[in-house]
Amino acid sequence: MGLVGEVLLLPFAPVRGSAWVIGQVLNEAERLYYDPATVRAELAALEEQLTSGEIDEEEFDRREDELLDRLEIGLARPAPEK
């Protein structure tokens, strides 16, 4: 983009910057949500809730299925770049 284009788009710089920040926050939230270590910790906590009687078998099965789906997606995702 040339100098004229940059000058014309200058009023939109805050919007473009905000969109970039929102994208970065979304990427990090998604990374944490699908992180296999996080999902495994949640599975362990879920099993503890079942054994302590906080939740019943039906609730355990429903939430376990959701967590296993997340784990499968997390394991299939490419490793993050460092």
PDB file of N, CA and C in Angstrom:
ATOM      1  N   MET A   1       0.860  -1.154   0.000  1.00  0.00           N
ATOM      2  CA  MET A   1       0.000   0.000   0.000  1.00  0.00           C
ATOM      3  C   MET A   1       0.914   1.227   0.000  1.00  0.00           C
ATOM      4  N   GLY A   2       0.554   2.166  -0.795  1.00  0.00           N
ATOM      5  CA  GLY A   2       1.372   3.358  -0.935  1.00  0.00           C
ATOM      6  C   GLY A   2       1.126   4.360   0.167  1.00  0.00           C
ATOM      7  N   LEU A   3       1.848   5.445   0.084  1.00  0.00           N
ATOM      8  CA  LEU A   3       1.745   6.506   1.073  1.00  0.00           C
ATOM      9  C   LEU A   3       0.345   7.112   1.091  1.00  0.00           C
ATOM     10  N   VAL A   4      -0.239   7.302  -0.069  1.00  0.00           N
ATOM     11  CA  VAL A   4      -1.586   7.882  -0.142  1.00  0.00           C
ATOM     12  C   VAL A   4      -2.595   6.950   0.531  1.00  0.00           C
ATOM     13  N   GLY A   5      -2.461   5.664   0.289  1.00  0.00           N
ATOM     14  CA  GLY A   5      -3.366   4.705   0.919  1.00  0.00           C
ATOM     15  C   GLY A   5      -3.225   4.710   2.429  1.00  0.00           C
ATOM     16  N   GLU A   6      -1.985   4.792   2.907  1.00  0.00           N
ATOM     17  CA  GLU A   6      -1.763   4.843   4.359  1.00  0.00           C
ATOM     18  C   GLU A   6      -2.378   6.102   4.969  1.00  0.00           C
ATOM     19  N   VAL A   7      -2.218   7.226   4.285  1.00  0.00           N
ATOM     20  CA  VAL A   7      -2.775   8.488   4.789  1.00  0.00           C
ATOM     21  C   VAL A   7      -4.304   8.418   4.812  1.00  0.00           C
ATOM     22  N   LEU A   8      -4.880   7.861   3.768  1.00  0.00           N
ATOM     23  CA  LEU A   8      -6.342   7.762   3.722  1.00  0.00           C
ATOM     24  C   LEU A   8      -6.896   6.810   4.778  1.00  0.00           C
ATOM     25  N   LEU A   9      -6.144   5.768   5.096  1.00  0.00           N
ATOM     26  CA  LEU A   9      -6.605   4.781   6.077  1.00  0.00           C
ATOM     27  C   LEU A   9      -6.189   5.119   7.508  1.00  0.00           C
ATOM     28  N   LEU A  10      -5.451   6.208   7.686  1.00  0.00           N
ATOM     29  CA  LEU A  10      -4.984   6.582   9.016  1.00  0.00           C
ATOM     30  C   LEU A  10      -6.103   6.712  10.044  1.00  0.00           C
ATOM     31  N   PRO A  11      -7.258   7.276   9.702  1.00  0.00           N
ATOM     32  CA  PRO A  11      -8.330   7.363  10.707  1.00  0.00           C
ATOM     33  C   PRO A  11      -8.811   5.988  11.195  1.00  0.00           C
ATOM     34  N   PHE A  12      -8.568   4.945  10.414  1.00  0.00           N
ATOM     35  CA  PHE A  12      -9.004   3.604  10.799  1.00  0.00           C
ATOM     36  C   PHE A  12      -7.941   2.828  11.564  1.00  0.00           C
ATOM     37  N   ALA A  13      -6.804   3.441  11.843  1.00  0.00           N
ATOM     38  CA  ALA A  13      -5.712   2.752  12.542  1.00  0.00           C
ATOM     39  C   ALA A  13      -6.152   2.193  13.901  1.00  0.00           C
ATOM     40  N   PRO A  14      -6.900   2.953  14.714  1.00  0.00           N
ATOM     41  CA  PRO A  14      -7.332   2.370  15.991  1.00  0.00           C
ATOM     42  C   PRO A  14      -8.204   1.133  15.811  1.00  0.00           C
ATOM     43  N   VAL A  15      -9.046   1.141  14.790  1.00  0.00           N
ATOM     44  CA  VAL A  15      -9.914  -0.014  14.538  1.00  0.00           C
ATOM     45  C   VAL A  15      -9.070  -1.209  14.126  1.00  0.00           C
ATOM     46  N   ARG A  16      -8.110  -0.981  13.230  1.00  0.00           N
ATOM     47  CA  ARG A  16      -7.242  -2.076  12.795  1.00  0.00           C
ATOM     48  C   ARG A  16      -6.422  -2.607  13.959  1.00  0.00           C
ATOM     49  N   GLY A  17      -5.938  -1.708  14.816  1.00  0.00           N
ATOM     50  CA  GLY A  17      -5.177  -2.134  15.991  1.00  0.00           C
ATOM     51  C   GLY A  17      -6.035  -2.931  16.959  1.00  0.00           C
ATOM     52  N   SER A  18      -7.253  -2.462  17.162  1.00  0.00           N
ATOM     53  CA  SER A  18      -8.169  -3.181  18.061  1.00  0.00           C
ATOM     54  C   SER A  18      -8.499  -4.556  17.514  1.00  0.00           C
ATOM     55  N   ALA A  19      -8.699  -4.642  16.204  1.00  0.00           N
ATOM     56  CA  ALA A  19      -9.003  -5.939  15.589  1.00  0.00           C
ATOM     57  C   ALA A  19      -7.830  -6.895  15.769  1.00  0.00           C
ATOM     58  N   TRP A  20      -6.617  -6.392  15.658  1.00  0.00           N
ATOM     59  CA  TRP A  20      -5.441  -7.243  15.847  1.00  0.00           C
ATOM     60  C   TRP A  20      -5.380  -7.754  17.286  1.00  0.00           C
ATOM     61  N   VAL A  21      -5.604  -6.865  18.251  1.00  0.00           N
ATOM     62  CA  VAL A  21      -5.569  -7.256  19.662  1.00  0.00           C
ATOM     63  C   VAL A  21      -6.652  -8.287  19.954  1.00  0.00           C
ATOM     64  N   ILE A  22      -7.842  -8.066  19.450  1.00  0.00           N
ATOM     65  CA  ILE A  22      -8.939  -9.014  19.655  1.00  0.00           C
ATOM     66  C   ILE A  22      -8.581 -10.370  19.053  1.00  0.00           C
ATOM     67  N   GLY A  23      -7.964 -10.361  17.880  1.00  0.00           N
ATOM     68  CA  GLY A  23      -7.527 -11.608  17.249  1.00  0.00           C
ATOM     69  C   GLY A  23      -6.499 -12.349  18.092  1.00  0.00           C
ATOM     70  N   GLN A  24      -5.562 -11.597  18.677  1.00  0.00           N
ATOM     71  CA  GLN A  24      -4.539 -12.223  19.519  1.00  0.00           C
ATOM     72  C   GLN A  24      -5.157 -12.831  20.783  1.00  0.00           C
ATOM     73  N   VAL A  25      -6.078 -12.109  21.393  1.00  0.00           N
ATOM     74  CA  VAL A  25      -6.752 -12.621  22.601  1.00  0.00           C
ATOM     75  C   VAL A  25      -7.550 -13.872  22.262  1.00  0.00           C
ATOM     76  N   LEU A  26      -8.242 -13.851  21.138  1.00  0.00           N
ATOM     77  CA  LEU A  26      -9.022 -15.004  20.718  1.00  0.00           C
ATOM     78  C   LEU A  26      -8.128 -16.214  20.459  1.00  0.00           C
ATOM     79  N   ASN A  27      -6.998 -15.999  19.793  1.00  0.00           N
ATOM     80  CA  ASN A  27      -6.061 -17.095  19.532  1.00  0.00           C
ATOM     81  C   ASN A  27      -5.544 -17.712  20.830  1.00  0.00           C
ATOM     82  N   GLU A  28      -5.197 -16.876  21.806  1.00  0.00           N
ATOM     83  CA  GLU A  28      -4.674 -17.383  23.081  1.00  0.00           C
ATOM     84  C   GLU A  28      -5.766 -18.126  23.852  1.00  0.00           C
ATOM     85  N   ALA A  29      -6.974 -17.590  23.846  1.00  0.00           N
ATOM     86  CA  ALA A  29      -8.080 -18.266  24.541  1.00  0.00           C
ATOM     87  C   ALA A  29      -8.358 -19.627  23.915  1.00  0.00           C
ATOM     88  N   GLU A  30      -8.317 -19.681  22.595  1.00  0.00           N
ATOM     89  CA  GLU A  30      -8.545 -20.942  21.891  1.00  0.00           C
ATOM     90  C   GLU A  30      -7.421 -21.938  22.194  1.00  0.00           C
ATOM     91  N   ARG A  31      -6.188 -21.441  22.242  1.00  0.00           N
ATOM     92  CA  ARG A  31      -5.055 -22.318  22.542  1.00  0.00           C
ATOM     93  C   ARG A  31      -5.211 -22.934  23.931  1.00  0.00           C
ATOM     94  N   LEU A  32      -5.588 -22.115  24.901  1.00  0.00           N
ATOM     95  CA  LEU A  32      -5.766 -22.629  26.261  1.00  0.00           C
ATOM     96  C   LEU A  32      -6.959 -23.577  26.351  1.00  0.00           C
ATOM     97  N   TYR A  33      -8.029 -23.275  25.645  1.00  0.00           N
ATOM     98  CA  TYR A  33      -9.235 -24.094  25.682  1.00  0.00           C
ATOM     99  C   TYR A  33      -8.969 -25.501  25.162  1.00  0.00           C
ATOM    100  N   TYR A  34      -8.162 -25.615  24.107  1.00  0.00           N
ATOM    101  CA  TYR A  34      -7.888 -26.910  23.495  1.00  0.00           C
ATOM    102  C   TYR A  34      -6.569 -27.522  23.956  1.00  0.00           C
ATOM    103  N   ASP A  35      -5.857 -26.889  24.864  1.00  0.00           N
ATOM    104  CA  ASP A  35      -4.580 -27.405  25.349  1.00  0.00           C
ATOM    105  C   ASP A  35      -4.792 -28.766  26.016  1.00  0.00           C
ATOM    106  N   PRO A  36      -4.116 -29.814  25.527  1.00  0.00           N
ATOM    107  CA  PRO A  36      -4.321 -31.146  26.106  1.00  0.00           C
ATOM    108  C   PRO A  36      -4.063 -31.218  27.610  1.00  0.00           C
ATOM    109  N   ALA A  37      -3.084 -30.481  28.107  1.00  0.00           N
ATOM    110  CA  ALA A  37      -2.807 -30.506  29.544  1.00  0.00           C
ATOM    111  C   ALA A  37      -3.973 -29.916  30.334  1.00  0.00           C
ATOM    112  N   THR A  38      -4.555 -28.854  29.831  1.00  0.00           N
ATOM    113  CA  THR A  38      -5.707 -28.238  30.491  1.00  0.00           C
ATOM    114  C   THR A  38      -6.899 -29.184  30.491  1.00  0.00           C
ATOM    115  N   VAL A  39      -7.143 -29.813  29.352  1.00  0.00           N
ATOM    116  CA  VAL A  39      -8.283 -30.721  29.238  1.00  0.00           C
ATOM    117  C   VAL A  39      -8.092 -31.928  30.165  1.00  0.00           C
ATOM    118  N   ARG A  40      -6.870 -32.454  30.224  1.00  0.00           N
ATOM    119  CA  ARG A  40      -6.607 -33.600  31.122  1.00  0.00           C
ATOM    120  C   ARG A  40      -6.825 -33.218  32.582  1.00  0.00           C
ATOM    121  N   ALA A  41      -6.425 -32.012  32.950  1.00  0.00           N
ATOM    122  CA  ALA A  41      -6.650 -31.547  34.324  1.00  0.00           C
ATOM    123  C   ALA A  41      -8.142 -31.427  34.612  1.00  0.00           C
ATOM    124  N   GLU A  42      -8.905 -30.940  33.634  1.00  0.00           N
ATOM    125  CA  GLU A  42     -10.351 -30.847  33.810  1.00  0.00           C
ATOM    126  C   GLU A  42     -10.992 -32.225  33.900  1.00  0.00           C
ATOM    127  N   LEU A  43     -10.477 -33.188  33.151  1.00  0.00           N
ATOM    128  CA  LEU A  43     -10.978 -34.564  33.248  1.00  0.00           C
ATOM    129  C   LEU A  43     -10.723 -35.143  34.637  1.00  0.00           C
ATOM    130  N   ALA A  44      -9.540 -34.883  35.175  1.00  0.00           N
ATOM    131  CA  ALA A  44      -9.211 -35.372  36.513  1.00  0.00           C
ATOM    132  C   ALA A  44     -10.131 -34.734  37.558  1.00  0.00           C
ATOM    133  N   ALA A  45     -10.368 -33.442  37.424  1.00  0.00           N
ATOM    134  CA  ALA A  45     -11.258 -32.753  38.362  1.00  0.00           C
ATOM    135  C   ALA A  45     -12.689 -33.284  38.241  1.00  0.00           C
ATOM    136  N   LEU A  46     -13.096 -33.589  37.027  1.00  0.00           N
ATOM    137  CA  LEU A  46     -14.432 -34.134  36.801  1.00  0.00           C
ATOM    138  C   LEU A  46     -14.580 -35.498  37.468  1.00  0.00           C
ATOM    139  N   GLU A  47     -13.562 -36.324  37.327  1.00  0.00           N
ATOM    140  CA  GLU A  47     -13.614 -37.653  37.961  1.00  0.00           C
ATOM    141  C   GLU A  47     -13.652 -37.524  39.478  1.00  0.00           C
ATOM    142  N   GLU A  48     -12.936 -36.550  40.001  1.00  0.00           N
ATOM    143  CA  GLU A  48     -12.952 -36.311  41.441  1.00  0.00           C
ATOM    144  C   GLU A  48     -14.347 -35.877  41.901  1.00  0.00           C
ATOM    145  N   GLN A  49     -15.013 -35.058  41.088  1.00  0.00           N
ATOM    146  CA  GLN A  49     -16.377 -34.640  41.422  1.00  0.00           C
ATOM    147  C   GLN A  49     -17.321 -35.836  41.443  1.00  0.00           C
ATOM    148  N   LEU A  50     -17.118 -36.771  40.532  1.00  0.00           N
ATOM    149  CA  LEU A  50     -17.967 -37.961  40.491  1.00  0.00           C
ATOM    150  C   LEU A  50     -17.756 -38.824  41.728  1.00  0.00           C
ATOM    151  N   THR A  51     -16.495 -39.055  42.071  1.00  0.00           N
ATOM    152  CA  THR A  51     -16.215 -39.931  43.221  1.00  0.00           C
ATOM    153  C   THR A  51     -16.630 -39.297  44.539  1.00  0.00           C
ATOM    154  N   SER A  52     -16.636 -37.958  44.605  1.00  0.00           N
ATOM    155  CA  SER A  52     -17.054 -37.299  45.843  1.00  0.00           C
ATOM    156  C   SER A  52     -18.570 -37.132  45.922  1.00  0.00           C
ATOM    157  N   GLY A  53     -19.270 -37.455  44.826  1.00  0.00           N
ATOM    158  CA  GLY A  53     -20.724 -37.375  44.831  1.00  0.00           C
ATOM    159  C   GLY A  53     -21.284 -36.015  44.463  1.00  0.00           C
ATOM    160  N   GLU A  54     -20.447 -35.098  44.003  1.00  0.00           N
ATOM    161  CA  GLU A  54     -20.916 -33.763  43.627  1.00  0.00           C
ATOM    162  C   GLU A  54     -21.779 -33.808  42.366  1.00  0.00           C
ATOM    163  N   ILE A  55     -21.470 -34.749  41.473  1.00  0.00           N
ATOM    164  CA  ILE A  55     -22.246 -34.901  40.238  1.00  0.00           C
ATOM    165  C   ILE A  55     -22.646 -36.366  40.092  1.00  0.00           C
ATOM    166  N   ASP A  56     -23.699 -36.599  39.309  1.00  0.00           N
ATOM    167  CA  ASP A  56     -24.126 -37.979  39.087  1.00  0.00           C
ATOM    168  C   ASP A  56     -23.478 -38.532  37.817  1.00  0.00           C
ATOM    169  N   GLU A  57     -23.729 -39.794  37.555  1.00  0.00           N
ATOM    170  CA  GLU A  57     -23.118 -40.486  36.418  1.00  0.00           C
ATOM    171  C   GLU A  57     -23.526 -39.861  35.080  1.00  0.00           C
ATOM    172  N   GLU A  58     -24.775 -39.452  34.976  1.00  0.00           N
ATOM    173  CA  GLU A  58     -25.259 -38.854  33.735  1.00  0.00           C
ATOM    174  C   GLU A  58     -24.530 -37.538  33.427  1.00  0.00           C
ATOM    175  N   GLU A  59     -24.406 -36.682  34.443  1.00  0.00           N
ATOM    176  CA  GLU A  59     -23.681 -35.419  34.271  1.00  0.00           C
ATOM    177  C   GLU A  59     -22.219 -35.684  33.945  1.00  0.00           C
ATOM    178  N   PHE A  60     -21.629 -36.666  34.614  1.00  0.00           N
ATOM    179  CA  PHE A  60     -20.233 -37.033  34.346  1.00  0.00           C
ATOM    180  C   PHE A  60     -20.059 -37.451  32.890  1.00  0.00           C
ATOM    181  N   ASP A  61     -20.932 -38.329  32.410  1.00  0.00           N
ATOM    182  CA  ASP A  61     -20.827 -38.808  31.025  1.00  0.00           C
ATOM    183  C   ASP A  61     -20.956 -37.666  30.016  1.00  0.00           C
ATOM    184  N   ARG A  62     -21.897 -36.766  30.249  1.00  0.00           N
ATOM    185  CA  ARG A  62     -22.102 -35.640  29.334  1.00  0.00           C
ATOM    186  C   ARG A  62     -20.869 -34.742  29.281  1.00  0.00           C
ATOM    187  N   ARG A  63     -20.372 -34.373  30.453  1.00  0.00           N
ATOM    188  CA  ARG A  63     -19.214 -33.476  30.489  1.00  0.00           C
ATOM    189  C   ARG A  63     -17.934 -34.175  30.035  1.00  0.00           C
ATOM    190  N   GLU A  64     -17.821 -35.461  30.313  1.00  0.00           N
ATOM    191  CA  GLU A  64     -16.642 -36.210  29.859  1.00  0.00           C
ATOM    192  C   GLU A  64     -16.601 -36.258  28.331  1.00  0.00           C
ATOM    193  N   ASP A  65     -17.751 -36.473  27.705  1.00  0.00           N
ATOM    194  CA  ASP A  65     -17.801 -36.481  26.238  1.00  0.00           C
ATOM    195  C   ASP A  65     -17.343 -35.145  25.660  1.00  0.00           C
ATOM    196  N   GLU A  66     -17.790 -34.051  26.255  1.00  0.00           N
ATOM    197  CA  GLU A  66     -17.370 -32.725  25.796  1.00  0.00           C
ATOM    198  C   GLU A  66     -15.857 -32.551  25.934  1.00  0.00           C
ATOM    199  N   LEU A  67     -15.326 -32.968  27.078  1.00  0.00           N
ATOM    200  CA  LEU A  67     -13.886 -32.825  27.300  1.00  0.00           C
ATOM    201  C   LEU A  67     -13.078 -33.719  26.372  1.00  0.00           C
ATOM    202  N   LEU A  68     -13.567 -34.918  26.121  1.00  0.00           N
ATOM    203  CA  LEU A  68     -12.850 -35.807  25.203  1.00  0.00           C
ATOM    204  C   LEU A  68     -12.868 -35.265  23.773  1.00  0.00           C
ATOM    205  N   ASP A  69     -13.966 -34.626  23.392  1.00  0.00           N
ATOM    206  CA  ASP A  69     -14.015 -33.977  22.077  1.00  0.00           C
ATOM    207  C   ASP A  69     -12.977 -32.858  21.997  1.00  0.00           C
ATOM    208  N   ARG A  70     -12.890 -32.052  23.067  1.00  0.00           N
ATOM    209  CA  ARG A  70     -11.887 -30.984  23.098  1.00  0.00           C
ATOM    210  C   ARG A  70     -10.480 -31.545  23.038  1.00  0.00           C
ATOM    211  N   LEU A  71     -10.248 -32.641  23.753  1.00  0.00           N
ATOM    212  CA  LEU A  71      -8.922 -33.253  23.757  1.00  0.00           C
ATOM    213  C   LEU A  71      -8.560 -33.758  22.369  1.00  0.00           C
ATOM    214  N   GLU A  72      -9.506 -34.370  21.704  1.00  0.00           N
ATOM    215  CA  GLU A  72      -9.259 -34.870  20.348  1.00  0.00           C
ATOM    216  C   GLU A  72      -8.898 -33.723  19.402  1.00  0.00           C
ATOM    217  N   ILE A  73      -9.627 -32.624  19.503  1.00  0.00           N
ATOM    218  CA  ILE A  73      -9.338 -31.460  18.664  1.00  0.00           C
ATOM    219  C   ILE A  73      -7.972 -30.876  19.023  1.00  0.00           C
ATOM    220  N   GLY A  74      -7.690 -30.798  20.318  1.00  0.00           N
ATOM    221  CA  GLY A  74      -6.412 -30.241  20.759  1.00  0.00           C
ATOM    222  C   GLY A  74      -5.225 -31.063  20.300  1.00  0.00           C
ATOM    223  N   LEU A  75      -5.376 -32.375  20.293  1.00  0.00           N
ATOM    224  CA  LEU A  75      -4.279 -33.237  19.842  1.00  0.00           C
ATOM    225  C   LEU A  75      -4.097 -33.187  18.332  1.00  0.00           C
ATOM    226  N   ALA A  76      -5.162 -32.872  17.596  1.00  0.00           N
ATOM    227  CA  ALA A  76      -5.085 -32.805  16.145  1.00  0.00           C
ATOM    228  C   ALA A  76      -4.555 -31.464  15.642  1.00  0.00           C
ATOM    229  N   ARG A  77      -4.596 -30.451  16.504  1.00  0.00           N
ATOM    230  CA  ARG A  77      -4.121 -29.119  16.106  1.00  0.00           C
ATOM    231  C   ARG A  77      -2.610 -29.095  15.995  1.00  0.00           C
ATOM    232  N   PRO A  78      -2.072 -28.282  15.078  1.00  0.00           N
ATOM    233  CA  PRO A  78      -0.621 -28.173  14.973  1.00  0.00           C
ATOM    234  C   PRO A  78      -0.035 -27.526  16.225  1.00  0.00           C
ATOM    235  N   ALA A  79       1.187 -27.872  16.532  1.00  0.00           N
ATOM    236  CA  ALA A  79       1.858 -27.322  17.699  1.00  0.00           C
ATOM    237  C   ALA A  79       2.048 -25.809  17.516  1.00  0.00           C
ATOM    238  N   PRO A  80       1.891 -25.030  18.587  1.00  0.00           N
ATOM    239  CA  PRO A  80       2.042 -23.568  18.453  1.00  0.00           C
ATOM    240  C   PRO A  80       3.491 -23.194  18.150  1.00  0.00           C
ATOM    241  N   GLU A  81       3.639 -22.140  17.372  1.00  0.00           N
ATOM    242  CA  GLU A  81       4.966 -21.645  17.039  1.00  0.00           C
ATOM    243  C   GLU A  81       5.519 -20.848  18.191  1.00  0.00           C
ATOM    244  N   LYS A  82       6.818 -20.952  18.416  1.00  0.00           N
ATOM    245  CA  LYS A  82       7.442 -20.216  19.521  1.00  0.00           C
ATOM    246  C   LYS A  82       8.447 -19.248  19.003  1.00  0.00           C
TER     247      LYS A  82
END
